[in-house]
Amino acid sequence: MRVELDGTEIQTLLEVLHTESRSGFFFTHFCQNSGQQLWENAVYFCSELLQYHQLFCQNRFDPYRAQRMAQLLYASYLSSGAQMSVGLSEEDRRAVLLRLSPPFEDLFDRAEEHALRVLLEPWTLLSEKLRDAPHTVAQWQEVRYAEAELFQTLQTLYTHTQSRQQEHRTAAAPAEGSRAPGLWAKVPREFRGVRLDSLLRNRMELQHFLSFLEENSASLELQCWLDVEQLKKSDGALLEERNTSIKDKYLSSNFLFGPSSPATEEQQKRLLQMCGGWQRLQRECVSLSVLTELQSLLHSRLETRWLPLFLSSSQFITRQQQKVTDVESEPQPVIRQRRRRHVWRVSGGLMSSSQESVALRRALLNPVTRLQFQKFLSVRDDLLENDLLFWLEVQRYKDLCHSRCDDVTLQRKVSIIISCFISCSVPPALQIHVPPDAAQRVMSQQRALGPYVFRETQACVFEELLKHWPDFVALRSAVGEDELQRVLERETRSSRPTEEQDDSSSQQQQEEEDEAHVAADEEQNCGTDGTRADTYKISWSYTKHMAALEHENMPSSSSSSSSMTDRSSRRTAEQKNQNKH
């Protein structure tokens, strides 16, 4: 039986473990000096487990290194004869062993929870010791004397440095004032803190900003910045292809070196000099330093010229006011409050709290909690529900990899997942929240990636689900387990329009739509020159598709039950007539 961990204490312990290398390994030394071998083994295991998780956050994933490290962790800390055993139960140890090849990022989830339970006791003792015991810091005075000649030289250098810094600040003052101060003065005070980096992280506002730039014939500036950002995440043949595309599209007389260039003449000469001249630019690929300089130039221009114009536009101000109105009029008890998640930057990627990640993975594997969370997501967005279903299908694919099934079955499972979520035949082709380039890598490199074909895409959708998990937990705590199901069903009914008023009208409408589609297909096959107006938008959802299949079986069952009722009523009537005679 597992005991639930206290969220606040575990969150603090996780933060300590993530920052141990930068804090002088204070907690590690405490466990070493405690005389408890189990505590020492557990803290070593958590430290090496962080390195294992970082392997899955790197852009270039090495399956061999992940396999070797997983086997080392199991042999050193989890196996029955491990010298540094953390005391994992036999059931959990066998579960890890069965999934050891190929290893995935969630392989040691149970072992991590167990190690955190073990370390919670020494961390509590250390916290109480630091809080209760008074500590004094020893102080001493040390006087040093410098030679007169050396002191004079240092003083001269210090004075010279101060004067140069003052000159630099004086020279930079007019440049700062020339950053279109009148444009920023027109921006409302509450929006003056918005910067380009924060706007780029908001997908909705980024689309509005791009449309605003298109209206002002400046969309290429933002598009160039985004293309260079995508190039930095590429490698191999894709890197060379994107480099050539950027050079032909932007580093030409049509944009950077043209009459409407976003750069000044001096900046153009400097960039051309960094490229090695015009002829070398035409022959060779552009270096990363040149593209970084170009990106910095465009960032400065977008933030000083176009961003204040966008923030002061009436459309932007109206949207922000509407958001405030929607939040204030939001019905209860649905809670939309955002809670800050603890995030730490580590070498190899952005690592979120292990506690929330493990809790979400455990909840998704629980049928009851998964269905509740799925309904919660469907109220917000259909693609979020697809994210959850995609994550589950990838987990089933991982189970197939561990079951030692043949390659044909594995490849068939990969093809089904791709056709349902990544390259769907019904628009939109991409049915989940993943970047298009990540989806393209899955389709182009699925055989080369092997069992890790969905590593990047599953991590993307899991990060998206993790954003909504705290809201779901807060809602469940506010209304309780018994009331949660009714609240979610009520929200589902209110967020979606009524599907059918009665069976006869829905059937007639379906027949009319089928006839219209057949007529349209015949018109297209006959080669009609006329064009049809785009009167509706085609969309598809995996969940709605499955619900429709279930709905199609309902009329047949109802008709069969009605026929059985008619036969039984006729049989009863015949028996009554016989009794009368």
Protein backbone atom coordinates (compact mmCIF):
# COMPACT_ATOMS: atom_id res chain seq x y z
CA MET A 1 0.00 0.00 0.00
CA ARG A 2 1.45 3.36 -1.05
CA VAL A 3 1.20 6.36 1.23
CA GLU A 4 0.46 9.67 -0.51
CA LEU A 5 3.31 12.13 -0.23
CA ASP A 6 2.82 15.59 1.23
CA GLY A 7 2.87 17.99 -1.70
CA THR A 8 4.61 20.96 -0.11
CA GLU A 9 7.41 19.00 1.54
CA ILE A 10 8.05 16.86 -1.52
CA GLN A 11 8.04 19.95 -3.75
CA THR A 12 10.73 21.54 -1.57
CA LEU A 13 12.72 18.30 -1.50
CA LEU A 14 12.60 18.07 -5.30
CA GLU A 15 13.85 21.63 -5.60
CA VAL A 16 16.73 20.79 -3.26
CA LEU A 17 17.67 17.72 -5.32
CA HIS A 18 17.55 19.67 -8.58
CA THR A 19 19.87 22.36 -7.20
CA GLU A 20 22.26 20.14 -5.22
CA SER A 21 25.16 20.69 -7.62
CA ARG A 22 24.85 24.46 -7.24
CA SER A 23 24.44 24.41 -3.44
CA GLY A 24 27.63 22.51 -2.61
CA PHE A 25 25.83 19.16 -2.15
CA PHE A 26 24.73 20.24 1.33
CA PHE A 27 21.89 17.72 1.63
CA THR A 28 24.06 14.95 0.16
CA HIS A 29 26.76 15.54 2.79
CA PHE A 30 24.10 15.45 5.51
CA CYS A 31 22.92 12.01 4.33
CA GLN A 32 26.53 10.77 4.10
CA ASN A 33 27.33 11.86 7.66
CA SER A 34 24.05 10.53 9.10
CA GLY A 35 25.29 6.92 9.33
CA GLN A 36 22.14 5.71 7.48
CA GLN A 37 23.23 3.76 4.39
CA LEU A 38 19.70 3.76 2.95
CA TRP A 39 19.56 7.58 2.97
CA GLU A 40 22.93 7.82 1.28
CA ASN A 41 21.96 5.29 -1.41
CA ALA A 42 18.65 7.08 -2.06
CA VAL A 43 20.26 10.49 -2.53
CA TYR A 44 22.85 9.01 -4.92
CA PHE A 45 20.07 7.28 -6.86
CA CYS A 46 18.06 10.52 -7.23
CA SER A 47 21.16 12.37 -8.38
CA GLU A 48 21.91 9.85 -11.13
CA LEU A 49 18.22 9.62 -12.02
CA LEU A 50 18.28 13.35 -12.88
CA GLN A 51 21.07 12.65 -15.37
CA TYR A 52 18.99 9.82 -16.86
CA HIS A 53 15.99 12.14 -17.34
CA GLN A 54 18.20 14.73 -19.01
CA LEU A 55 19.04 12.24 -21.78
CA PHE A 56 15.42 12.42 -22.97
CA CYS A 57 15.46 16.25 -23.00
CA GLN A 58 18.37 16.56 -25.42
CA ASN A 59 17.87 17.41 -29.07
CA ARG A 60 20.07 14.54 -30.20
CA PHE A 61 18.88 11.45 -28.37
CA ASP A 62 21.30 8.53 -27.97
CA PRO A 63 19.39 5.23 -27.45
CA TYR A 64 22.57 3.29 -26.63
CA ARG A 65 23.54 5.72 -23.87
CA ALA A 66 20.01 5.61 -22.41
CA GLN A 67 20.05 1.79 -22.44
CA ARG A 68 23.45 1.62 -20.78
CA MET A 69 22.51 4.12 -18.06
CA ALA A 70 19.18 2.39 -17.35
CA GLN A 71 20.93 -0.95 -16.89
CA LEU A 72 23.53 0.69 -14.62
CA LEU A 73 20.85 2.29 -12.44
CA TYR A 74 18.98 -1.00 -12.13
CA ALA A 75 22.10 -3.03 -11.32
CA SER A 76 23.46 -0.49 -8.81
CA TYR A 77 20.32 0.46 -6.88
CA LEU A 78 17.31 -1.76 -7.69
CA SER A 79 18.42 -5.35 -8.34
CA SER A 80 18.14 -7.96 -5.61
CA GLY A 81 21.92 -8.09 -5.09
CA ALA A 82 22.65 -4.39 -5.52
CA GLN A 83 25.40 -3.07 -3.23
CA MET A 84 23.70 0.35 -2.97
CA SER A 85 20.11 -0.89 -2.78
CA VAL A 86 17.35 1.63 -2.06
CA GLY A 87 15.04 -1.09 -0.71
CA LEU A 88 12.51 -1.21 -3.55
CA SER A 89 9.76 -3.81 -3.23
CA GLU A 90 9.92 -7.01 -5.25
CA GLU A 91 6.78 -6.12 -7.23
CA ASP A 92 8.11 -2.73 -8.29
CA ARG A 93 11.56 -4.17 -9.00
CA ARG A 94 10.11 -6.78 -11.38
CA ALA A 95 7.99 -4.09 -13.08
CA VAL A 96 11.16 -2.11 -13.83
CA LEU A 97 12.99 -5.22 -15.02
CA LEU A 98 10.25 -6.15 -17.50
CA ARG A 99 10.38 -2.67 -19.06
CA LEU A 100 14.16 -2.28 -19.01
CA SER A 101 14.63 -2.77 -22.74
CA PRO A 102 13.99 -0.46 -24.46
CA PRO A 103 14.07 2.10 -21.64
CA PHE A 104 11.73 5.11 -21.67
CA GLU A 105 11.59 8.27 -19.56
CA ASP A 106 8.97 6.86 -17.15
CA LEU A 107 10.89 3.63 -16.44
CA PHE A 108 11.91 4.55 -12.88
CA ASP A 109 8.76 6.40 -11.76
CA ARG A 110 7.93 3.90 -9.01
CA ALA A 111 11.54 3.78 -7.84
CA GLU A 112 11.67 7.59 -7.74
CA GLU A 113 8.55 7.77 -5.58
CA HIS A 114 10.05 5.22 -3.20
CA ALA A 115 13.36 7.11 -3.00
CA LEU A 116 11.54 10.37 -2.24
CA ARG A 117 9.69 8.67 0.61
CA VAL A 118 13.02 7.51 2.00
CA LEU A 119 14.61 10.96 1.69
CA LEU A 120 11.65 12.76 3.23
CA GLU A 121 12.79 11.73 6.73
CA PRO A 122 16.37 13.10 6.52
CA TRP A 123 15.10 16.25 4.81
CA THR A 124 12.63 16.84 7.66
CA LEU A 125 15.38 16.35 10.24
CA LEU A 126 17.71 18.73 8.40
CA SER A 127 14.98 21.36 8.06
CA GLU A 128 14.17 21.25 11.77
CA LYS A 129 17.85 21.41 12.65
CA LEU A 130 18.42 24.48 10.50
CA ARG A 131 15.25 26.17 11.75
CA ASP A 132 15.55 25.54 15.47
CA ALA A 133 19.27 25.45 16.22
CA PRO A 134 20.84 28.92 16.52
CA HIS A 135 23.85 29.39 14.28
CA THR A 136 26.48 32.08 14.45
CA VAL A 137 28.87 32.93 11.68
CA ALA A 138 32.46 33.44 12.75
CA GLN A 139 33.87 36.78 11.71
CA TRP A 140 37.46 37.91 11.47
CA GLN A 141 39.25 40.99 10.29
CA GLU A 142 42.04 40.86 7.78
CA VAL A 143 44.01 43.92 6.76
CA ARG A 144 46.03 43.89 3.56
CA TYR A 145 48.48 46.52 2.40
CA ALA A 146 49.31 47.16 -1.22
CA GLU A 147 52.54 48.64 -2.48
CA ALA A 148 52.37 52.34 -3.22
CA GLU A 149 53.28 52.01 -6.90
CA LEU A 150 50.83 49.11 -7.46
CA PHE A 151 48.08 50.94 -5.58
CA GLN A 152 48.55 54.03 -7.75
CA THR A 153 48.36 51.92 -10.91
CA LEU A 154 45.14 50.26 -9.75
CA GLN A 155 43.64 53.61 -8.82
CA THR A 156 44.49 55.00 -12.28
CA LEU A 157 42.88 52.02 -14.00
CA TYR A 158 39.79 52.35 -11.84
CA THR A 159 39.43 56.06 -12.64
CA HIS A 160 39.90 55.39 -16.36
CA THR A 161 37.29 52.64 -16.30
CA GLN A 162 34.77 54.85 -14.50
CA SER A 163 35.23 57.66 -17.02
CA ARG A 164 34.76 55.28 -19.97
CA GLN A 165 31.58 53.88 -18.46
CA GLN A 166 30.26 57.40 -17.96
CA GLU A 167 31.03 58.26 -21.59
CA HIS A 168 29.26 55.11 -22.73
CA ARG A 169 26.14 55.94 -20.72
CA THR A 170 26.14 59.48 -22.09
CA ALA A 171 26.47 58.24 -25.66
CA ALA A 172 23.77 55.61 -25.18
CA ALA A 173 21.21 58.08 -23.81
CA PRO A 174 20.29 59.64 -27.19
CA ALA A 175 20.11 56.20 -28.80
CA GLU A 176 17.64 55.07 -26.16
CA GLY A 177 15.59 58.17 -26.70
CA SER A 178 15.58 57.60 -30.44
CA ARG A 179 13.75 54.29 -30.04
CA ALA A 180 10.49 55.91 -31.15
CA PRO A 181 9.54 57.29 -27.72
CA GLY A 182 6.36 58.73 -29.19
CA LEU A 183 5.18 55.25 -30.20
CA TRP A 184 5.61 53.78 -26.71
CA ALA A 185 3.94 56.85 -25.19
CA LYS A 186 0.74 55.93 -27.02
CA VAL A 187 0.68 52.43 -25.51
CA PRO A 188 -1.66 52.13 -22.49
CA ARG A 189 0.23 51.95 -19.22
CA GLU A 190 -0.93 48.42 -18.37
CA PHE A 191 0.54 47.05 -21.64
CA ARG A 192 3.94 48.80 -21.56
CA GLY A 193 5.51 45.80 -19.85
CA VAL A 194 4.73 43.52 -22.82
CA ARG A 195 7.82 42.53 -24.79
CA LEU A 196 8.33 40.59 -27.98
CA ASP A 197 9.54 37.45 -26.20
CA SER A 198 6.36 37.19 -24.13
CA LEU A 199 4.25 37.83 -27.24
CA LEU A 200 6.00 35.01 -29.11
CA ARG A 201 4.96 32.55 -26.38
CA ASN A 202 1.27 33.46 -26.85
CA ARG A 203 0.10 31.66 -29.99
CA MET A 204 -3.16 33.57 -30.35
CA GLU A 205 -1.62 37.03 -30.02
CA LEU A 206 1.29 35.97 -32.25
CA GLN A 207 -1.19 35.28 -35.06
CA HIS A 208 -2.80 38.68 -34.51
CA PHE A 209 0.63 40.33 -34.52
CA LEU A 210 1.52 38.59 -37.78
CA SER A 211 -1.73 39.78 -39.37
CA PHE A 212 -0.99 43.30 -38.14
CA LEU A 213 2.46 43.17 -39.76
CA GLU A 214 0.96 41.90 -43.03
CA GLU A 215 -1.39 44.87 -43.10
CA ASN A 216 1.66 47.14 -42.76
CA SER A 217 3.81 45.16 -45.27
CA ALA A 218 6.28 44.13 -42.57
CA SER A 219 5.43 40.46 -42.02
CA LEU A 220 8.76 39.33 -43.51
CA GLU A 221 10.62 40.78 -40.53
CA LEU A 222 8.83 38.52 -38.05
CA GLN A 223 8.82 35.56 -40.44
CA CYS A 224 12.59 35.86 -40.90
CA TRP A 225 13.11 35.89 -37.13
CA LEU A 226 10.93 32.78 -36.70
CA ASP A 227 12.67 30.94 -39.57
CA VAL A 228 16.09 31.56 -38.04
CA GLU A 229 14.77 30.31 -34.69
CA GLN A 230 13.59 27.09 -36.36
CA LEU A 231 16.96 26.71 -38.09
CA LYS A 232 18.75 26.72 -34.73
CA LYS A 233 16.74 23.64 -33.71
CA SER A 234 17.58 21.72 -36.90
CA ASP A 235 20.46 19.43 -37.81
CA GLY A 236 21.73 17.41 -40.73
CA ALA A 237 20.11 17.78 -44.12
CA LEU A 238 17.23 19.81 -42.71
CA LEU A 239 19.71 22.39 -41.35
CA GLU A 240 21.35 22.83 -44.75
CA GLU A 241 17.99 23.06 -46.51
CA ARG A 242 16.69 25.75 -44.14
CA ASN A 243 19.97 27.68 -44.38
CA THR A 244 19.70 27.82 -48.14
CA SER A 245 16.04 28.83 -47.97
CA ILE A 246 16.78 31.70 -45.56
CA LYS A 247 19.67 32.91 -47.68
CA ASP A 248 17.63 32.95 -50.90
CA LYS A 249 14.53 34.46 -49.32
CA TYR A 250 15.88 37.06 -46.90
CA LEU A 251 19.57 37.78 -47.59
CA SER A 252 18.84 39.19 -51.01
CA SER A 253 17.90 42.43 -52.73
CA ASN A 254 14.23 41.62 -52.10
CA PHE A 255 14.53 42.03 -48.33
CA LEU A 256 17.74 42.69 -46.37
CA PHE A 257 19.78 44.42 -49.09
CA GLY A 258 16.85 46.07 -50.87
CA PRO A 259 15.35 49.56 -50.72
CA SER A 260 12.81 48.55 -48.03
CA SER A 261 15.38 46.80 -45.83
CA PRO A 262 14.81 46.81 -42.06
CA ALA A 263 18.56 47.46 -41.59
CA THR A 264 20.44 50.72 -42.05
CA GLU A 265 23.20 51.04 -44.63
CA GLU A 266 25.84 50.65 -41.95
CA GLN A 267 24.17 47.48 -40.64
CA GLN A 268 23.89 46.08 -44.17
CA LYS A 269 27.61 46.66 -44.79
CA ARG A 270 28.48 45.00 -41.50
CA LEU A 271 26.36 41.91 -42.24
CA LEU A 272 27.77 41.66 -45.74
CA GLN A 273 31.29 41.93 -44.34
CA MET A 274 30.53 39.12 -41.84
CA CYS A 275 29.33 36.97 -44.77
CA GLY A 276 32.69 37.49 -46.55
CA GLY A 277 31.36 39.59 -49.41
CA TRP A 278 28.56 39.27 -51.93
CA GLN A 279 30.19 36.56 -54.05
CA ARG A 280 30.93 34.34 -51.07
CA LEU A 281 27.38 34.84 -49.84
CA GLN A 282 26.06 33.53 -53.15
CA ARG A 283 28.29 30.43 -53.09
CA GLU A 284 28.35 29.28 -49.45
CA CYS A 285 25.93 28.76 -46.60
CA VAL A 286 25.41 31.55 -44.09
CA SER A 287 27.21 31.12 -40.77
CA LEU A 288 25.26 30.94 -37.53
CA SER A 289 26.92 34.12 -36.24
CA VAL A 290 25.52 36.10 -39.21
CA LEU A 291 22.04 34.71 -38.67
CA THR A 292 22.23 35.50 -34.95
CA GLU A 293 23.25 39.08 -35.75
CA LEU A 294 20.38 39.34 -38.24
CA GLN A 295 17.95 37.95 -35.68
CA SER A 296 19.14 40.49 -33.09
CA LEU A 297 18.66 43.32 -35.59
CA LEU A 298 15.11 42.21 -36.43
CA HIS A 299 14.24 41.69 -32.77
CA SER A 300 15.29 45.25 -31.96
CA ARG A 301 13.31 46.70 -34.88
CA LEU A 302 10.17 44.70 -34.10
CA GLU A 303 10.25 45.65 -30.43
CA THR A 304 10.99 49.35 -30.94
CA ARG A 305 8.78 50.09 -33.96
CA TRP A 306 6.04 47.55 -34.66
CA LEU A 307 5.32 46.23 -31.16
CA PRO A 308 4.21 49.60 -29.69
CA LEU A 309 2.02 50.21 -32.73
CA PHE A 310 0.42 46.80 -32.23
CA LEU A 311 -0.09 47.30 -28.47
CA SER A 312 -1.72 50.68 -29.01
CA SER A 313 -4.10 49.43 -31.72
CA SER A 314 -7.80 49.40 -30.91
CA GLN A 315 -8.14 45.72 -31.86
CA PHE A 316 -5.54 44.64 -29.28
CA ILE A 317 -7.04 46.77 -26.51
CA THR A 318 -10.55 45.43 -27.27
CA ARG A 319 -9.35 41.81 -27.07
CA GLN A 320 -7.69 42.37 -23.71
CA GLN A 321 -10.78 44.04 -22.30
CA GLN A 322 -12.92 41.16 -23.56
CA LYS A 323 -10.63 38.65 -21.80
CA VAL A 324 -11.06 40.50 -18.51
CA THR A 325 -14.84 40.52 -18.98
CA ASP A 326 -14.92 36.79 -19.73
CA VAL A 327 -12.89 35.96 -16.62
CA GLU A 328 -15.15 38.08 -14.38
CA SER A 329 -18.34 36.54 -15.80
CA GLU A 330 -17.06 32.98 -15.65
CA PRO A 331 -19.53 30.65 -13.86
CA GLN A 332 -18.69 28.77 -10.67
CA PRO A 333 -17.67 26.23 -9.47
CA VAL A 334 -15.40 25.72 -12.50
CA ILE A 335 -12.04 27.09 -11.39
CA ARG A 336 -9.82 28.81 -13.96
CA GLN A 337 -7.19 29.91 -11.50
CA ARG A 338 -3.63 29.34 -12.62
CA ARG A 339 -1.12 28.04 -10.13
CA ARG A 340 2.58 28.65 -10.52
CA ARG A 341 4.50 25.52 -11.39
CA HIS A 342 8.03 25.06 -10.18
CA VAL A 343 10.41 24.84 -13.11
CA TRP A 344 14.18 24.52 -13.07
CA ARG A 345 16.59 25.03 -15.94
CA VAL A 346 19.02 22.17 -16.26
CA SER A 347 21.62 21.31 -18.85
CA GLY A 348 19.84 19.51 -21.65
CA GLY A 349 16.38 21.05 -21.48
CA LEU A 350 13.61 22.46 -19.36
CA MET A 351 12.63 20.13 -16.54
CA SER A 352 9.30 20.51 -14.80
CA SER A 353 8.48 19.27 -11.34
CA SER A 354 8.91 15.49 -11.17
CA GLN A 355 6.08 15.27 -8.65
CA GLU A 356 3.50 16.69 -11.06
CA SER A 357 4.84 14.65 -13.97
CA VAL A 358 4.69 11.37 -12.06
CA ALA A 359 1.25 12.23 -10.65
CA LEU A 360 -0.13 12.99 -14.11
CA ARG A 361 1.30 9.81 -15.64
CA ARG A 362 -0.18 7.76 -12.80
CA ALA A 363 -3.55 9.48 -13.26
CA LEU A 364 -3.60 8.83 -17.01
CA LEU A 365 -3.10 5.13 -16.36
CA ASN A 366 -6.02 5.11 -13.90
CA PRO A 367 -9.29 4.51 -15.87
CA VAL A 368 -11.52 6.56 -13.55
CA THR A 369 -9.23 9.58 -13.25
CA ARG A 370 -8.40 9.43 -16.94
CA LEU A 371 -12.06 9.65 -17.97
CA GLN A 372 -12.65 12.56 -15.60
CA PHE A 373 -9.60 14.42 -16.91
CA GLN A 374 -10.65 13.62 -20.49
CA LYS A 375 -14.08 15.23 -19.95
CA PHE A 376 -12.39 18.20 -18.30
CA LEU A 377 -10.16 18.66 -21.39
CA SER A 378 -13.01 18.20 -23.87
CA VAL A 379 -14.76 21.24 -22.36
CA ARG A 380 -11.70 23.37 -23.13
CA ASP A 381 -10.56 22.09 -26.51
CA ASP A 382 -11.08 19.02 -28.71
CA LEU A 383 -7.37 18.89 -29.54
CA LEU A 384 -6.54 18.58 -25.85
CA GLU A 385 -8.69 15.46 -25.72
CA ASN A 386 -6.79 14.18 -28.75
CA ASP A 387 -3.53 14.88 -26.90
CA LEU A 388 -4.63 12.60 -24.08
CA LEU A 389 -5.70 9.83 -26.46
CA PHE A 390 -2.44 10.13 -28.40
CA TRP A 391 -0.42 9.82 -25.18
CA LEU A 392 -2.33 6.66 -24.25
CA GLU A 393 -1.81 5.11 -27.69
CA VAL A 394 1.93 5.77 -27.48
CA GLN A 395 1.98 4.11 -24.06
CA ARG A 396 0.32 1.06 -25.60
CA TYR A 397 2.95 1.12 -28.33
CA LYS A 398 5.65 1.12 -25.63
CA ASP A 399 3.98 -1.90 -24.02
CA LEU A 400 4.15 -3.66 -27.39
CA CYS A 401 7.88 -2.90 -27.56
CA HIS A 402 8.34 -4.52 -24.14
CA SER A 403 6.21 -7.53 -25.07
CA ARG A 404 8.78 -8.64 -27.69
CA CYS A 405 6.24 -8.76 -30.52
CA ASP A 406 7.34 -8.92 -34.17
CA ASP A 407 8.37 -5.89 -36.23
CA VAL A 408 5.31 -6.11 -38.47
CA THR A 409 2.95 -5.59 -35.53
CA LEU A 410 5.01 -2.70 -34.21
CA GLN A 411 5.12 -1.00 -37.61
CA ARG A 412 1.36 -1.46 -38.03
CA LYS A 413 0.79 0.20 -34.64
CA VAL A 414 3.05 3.12 -35.63
CA SER A 415 1.18 3.57 -38.93
CA ILE A 416 -2.20 3.60 -37.15
CA ILE A 417 -1.06 6.24 -34.66
CA ILE A 418 0.37 8.41 -37.44
CA SER A 419 -2.76 8.12 -39.59
CA CYS A 420 -5.05 9.02 -36.67
CA PHE A 421 -3.17 11.88 -35.04
CA ILE A 422 -0.19 13.13 -37.08
CA SER A 423 -1.12 12.69 -40.75
CA CYS A 424 -4.88 12.33 -40.75
CA SER A 425 -6.67 11.99 -44.09
CA VAL A 426 -9.40 14.38 -42.90
CA PRO A 427 -8.37 18.02 -42.31
CA PRO A 428 -6.71 19.16 -40.19
CA ALA A 429 -3.97 16.61 -40.80
CA LEU A 430 -2.27 17.32 -37.46
CA GLN A 431 -4.75 16.46 -34.70
CA ILE A 432 -2.54 17.14 -31.64
CA HIS A 433 -0.52 20.00 -30.12
CA VAL A 434 2.93 19.33 -31.58
CA PRO A 435 5.14 21.53 -33.79
CA PRO A 436 4.81 20.76 -37.52
CA ASP A 437 8.54 20.06 -37.85
CA ALA A 438 8.34 17.45 -35.06
CA ALA A 439 5.43 15.76 -36.85
CA GLN A 440 7.41 15.82 -40.08
CA ARG A 441 10.37 14.11 -38.38
CA VAL A 442 8.08 11.33 -37.15
CA MET A 443 6.84 10.61 -40.68
CA SER A 444 10.24 10.89 -42.38
CA GLN A 445 12.39 9.09 -39.78
CA GLN A 446 10.01 6.59 -38.23
CA ARG A 447 12.13 3.56 -39.15
CA ALA A 448 15.43 5.19 -38.14
CA LEU A 449 14.11 6.27 -34.72
CA GLY A 450 12.96 2.76 -33.81
CA PRO A 451 11.05 2.44 -30.52
CA TYR A 452 11.65 6.17 -29.80
CA VAL A 453 9.72 7.35 -32.85
CA PHE A 454 7.17 9.23 -30.70
CA ARG A 455 9.61 10.44 -28.01
CA GLU A 456 9.50 14.11 -29.02
CA THR A 457 5.80 14.28 -29.92
CA GLN A 458 4.69 12.50 -26.74
CA ALA A 459 6.80 14.88 -24.66
CA CYS A 460 5.12 17.85 -26.42
CA VAL A 461 1.57 16.67 -25.75
CA PHE A 462 2.46 15.68 -22.17
CA GLU A 463 3.76 19.19 -21.54
CA GLU A 464 0.49 20.55 -22.93
CA LEU A 465 -1.55 18.26 -20.66
CA LEU A 466 0.61 19.21 -17.70
CA LYS A 467 -0.49 22.85 -18.10
CA HIS A 468 -4.13 21.88 -17.42
CA TRP A 469 -3.48 19.28 -14.72
CA PRO A 470 -3.27 21.78 -11.77
CA ASP A 471 -6.64 23.27 -12.79
CA PHE A 472 -8.22 19.82 -12.81
CA VAL A 473 -6.76 18.98 -9.40
CA ALA A 474 -8.03 22.29 -8.00
CA LEU A 475 -11.53 21.64 -9.39
CA ARG A 476 -11.58 18.11 -7.97
CA SER A 477 -10.53 19.40 -4.54
CA ALA A 478 -13.14 22.18 -4.64
CA VAL A 479 -16.21 20.11 -5.58
CA GLY A 480 -15.21 16.65 -4.27
CA GLU A 481 -15.05 13.28 -6.00
CA ASP A 482 -18.81 12.63 -5.85
CA GLU A 483 -19.82 15.98 -7.36
CA LEU A 484 -17.02 16.11 -9.94
CA GLN A 485 -18.75 13.83 -12.46
CA ARG A 486 -21.96 15.89 -12.42
CA VAL A 487 -20.07 19.17 -12.76
CA LEU A 488 -18.12 17.89 -15.78
CA GLU A 489 -21.27 16.57 -17.46
CA ARG A 490 -23.04 19.88 -16.88
CA GLU A 491 -20.10 21.79 -18.33
CA THR A 492 -19.99 19.46 -21.33
CA ARG A 493 -23.67 20.01 -22.10
CA SER A 494 -23.41 23.78 -21.73
CA SER A 495 -20.24 24.10 -23.84
CA ARG A 496 -21.54 22.14 -26.82
CA PRO A 497 -24.69 22.89 -28.82
CA THR A 498 -27.67 20.51 -28.73
CA GLU A 499 -27.00 17.81 -31.30
CA GLU A 500 -30.44 16.51 -32.23
CA GLN A 501 -33.97 17.71 -31.36
CA ASP A 502 -35.70 14.51 -32.43
CA ASP A 503 -34.77 11.38 -34.39
CA SER A 504 -36.94 12.11 -37.43
CA SER A 505 -35.55 15.59 -38.07
CA SER A 506 -31.94 14.46 -37.60
CA GLN A 507 -32.45 11.56 -40.00
CA GLN A 508 -33.99 13.84 -42.62
CA GLN A 509 -31.15 16.34 -42.26
CA GLN A 510 -28.58 13.57 -42.65
CA GLU A 511 -30.28 12.34 -45.83
CA GLU A 512 -30.29 15.85 -47.28
CA GLU A 513 -26.58 16.27 -46.51
CA ASP A 514 -25.78 12.89 -48.10
CA GLU A 515 -27.71 13.83 -51.25
CA ALA A 516 -25.90 17.16 -51.40
CA HIS A 517 -22.51 15.48 -51.05
CA VAL A 518 -23.34 12.92 -53.74
CA ALA A 519 -24.52 15.67 -56.10
CA ALA A 520 -21.35 17.63 -55.47
CA ASP A 521 -19.18 14.58 -56.16
CA GLU A 522 -21.02 13.87 -59.41
CA GLU A 523 -20.63 17.48 -60.48
CA GLN A 524 -16.91 17.34 -59.79
CA ASN A 525 -16.47 14.00 -61.61
CA CYS A 526 -18.30 15.30 -64.68
CA GLY A 527 -15.79 18.14 -64.97
CA THR A 528 -18.14 21.08 -64.38
CA ASP A 529 -16.41 24.42 -64.90
CA GLY A 530 -18.36 26.20 -62.16
CA THR A 531 -16.83 26.66 -58.76
CA ARG A 532 -18.53 25.96 -55.47
CA ALA A 533 -18.52 28.40 -52.61
CA ASP A 534 -16.70 27.24 -49.49
CA THR A 535 -19.78 27.16 -47.27
CA TYR A 536 -18.43 25.01 -44.45
CA LYS A 537 -15.17 24.04 -42.85
CA ILE A 538 -14.16 20.38 -42.74
CA SER A 539 -12.89 19.24 -39.37
CA TRP A 540 -12.48 15.89 -37.65
CA SER A 541 -12.04 14.72 -34.08
CA TYR A 542 -11.05 11.22 -33.02
CA THR A 543 -13.41 11.29 -30.04
CA LYS A 544 -16.39 12.60 -32.03
CA HIS A 545 -15.73 9.95 -34.68
CA MET A 546 -15.92 7.15 -32.09
CA ALA A 547 -19.05 8.68 -30.56
CA ALA A 548 -20.69 8.82 -33.99
CA LEU A 549 -19.95 5.14 -34.58
CA GLU A 550 -21.64 4.29 -31.29
CA HIS A 551 -24.60 6.51 -32.19
CA GLU A 552 -25.10 4.68 -35.50
CA ASN A 553 -25.78 1.43 -33.64
CA MET A 554 -28.59 2.95 -31.56
CA PRO A 555 -31.40 2.98 -34.20
CA SER A 556 -30.87 -0.67 -35.10
CA SER A 557 -31.07 -1.73 -31.45
CA SER A 558 -34.20 0.38 -30.86
CA SER A 559 -35.91 -0.98 -34.00
CA SER A 560 -35.10 -4.58 -33.02
CA SER A 561 -36.45 -4.01 -29.52
CA SER A 562 -39.65 -2.45 -30.93
CA SER A 563 -40.18 -5.42 -33.29
CA MET A 564 -39.73 -7.84 -30.40
CA THR A 565 -42.33 -5.87 -28.42
CA ASP A 566 -44.81 -6.08 -31.34
CA ARG A 567 -44.35 -9.82 -31.65
CA SER A 568 -44.87 -10.36 -27.93
CA SER A 569 -48.05 -8.21 -27.92
CA ARG A 570 -49.50 -10.17 -30.87
CA ARG A 571 -48.72 -13.45 -29.12
CA THR A 572 -50.51 -12.26 -25.95
CA ALA A 573 -53.58 -11.21 -27.97
CA GLU A 574 -53.80 -14.66 -29.64
CA GLN A 575 -53.68 -16.40 -26.27
CA LYS A 576 -56.52 -14.22 -24.97
CA ASN A 577 -58.70 -15.11 -28.01
CA GLN A 578 -58.08 -18.82 -27.47
CA ASN A 579 -59.09 -18.55 -23.82
CA LYS A 580 -62.35 -16.84 -24.79
CA HIS A 581 -63.26 -19.63 -27.23
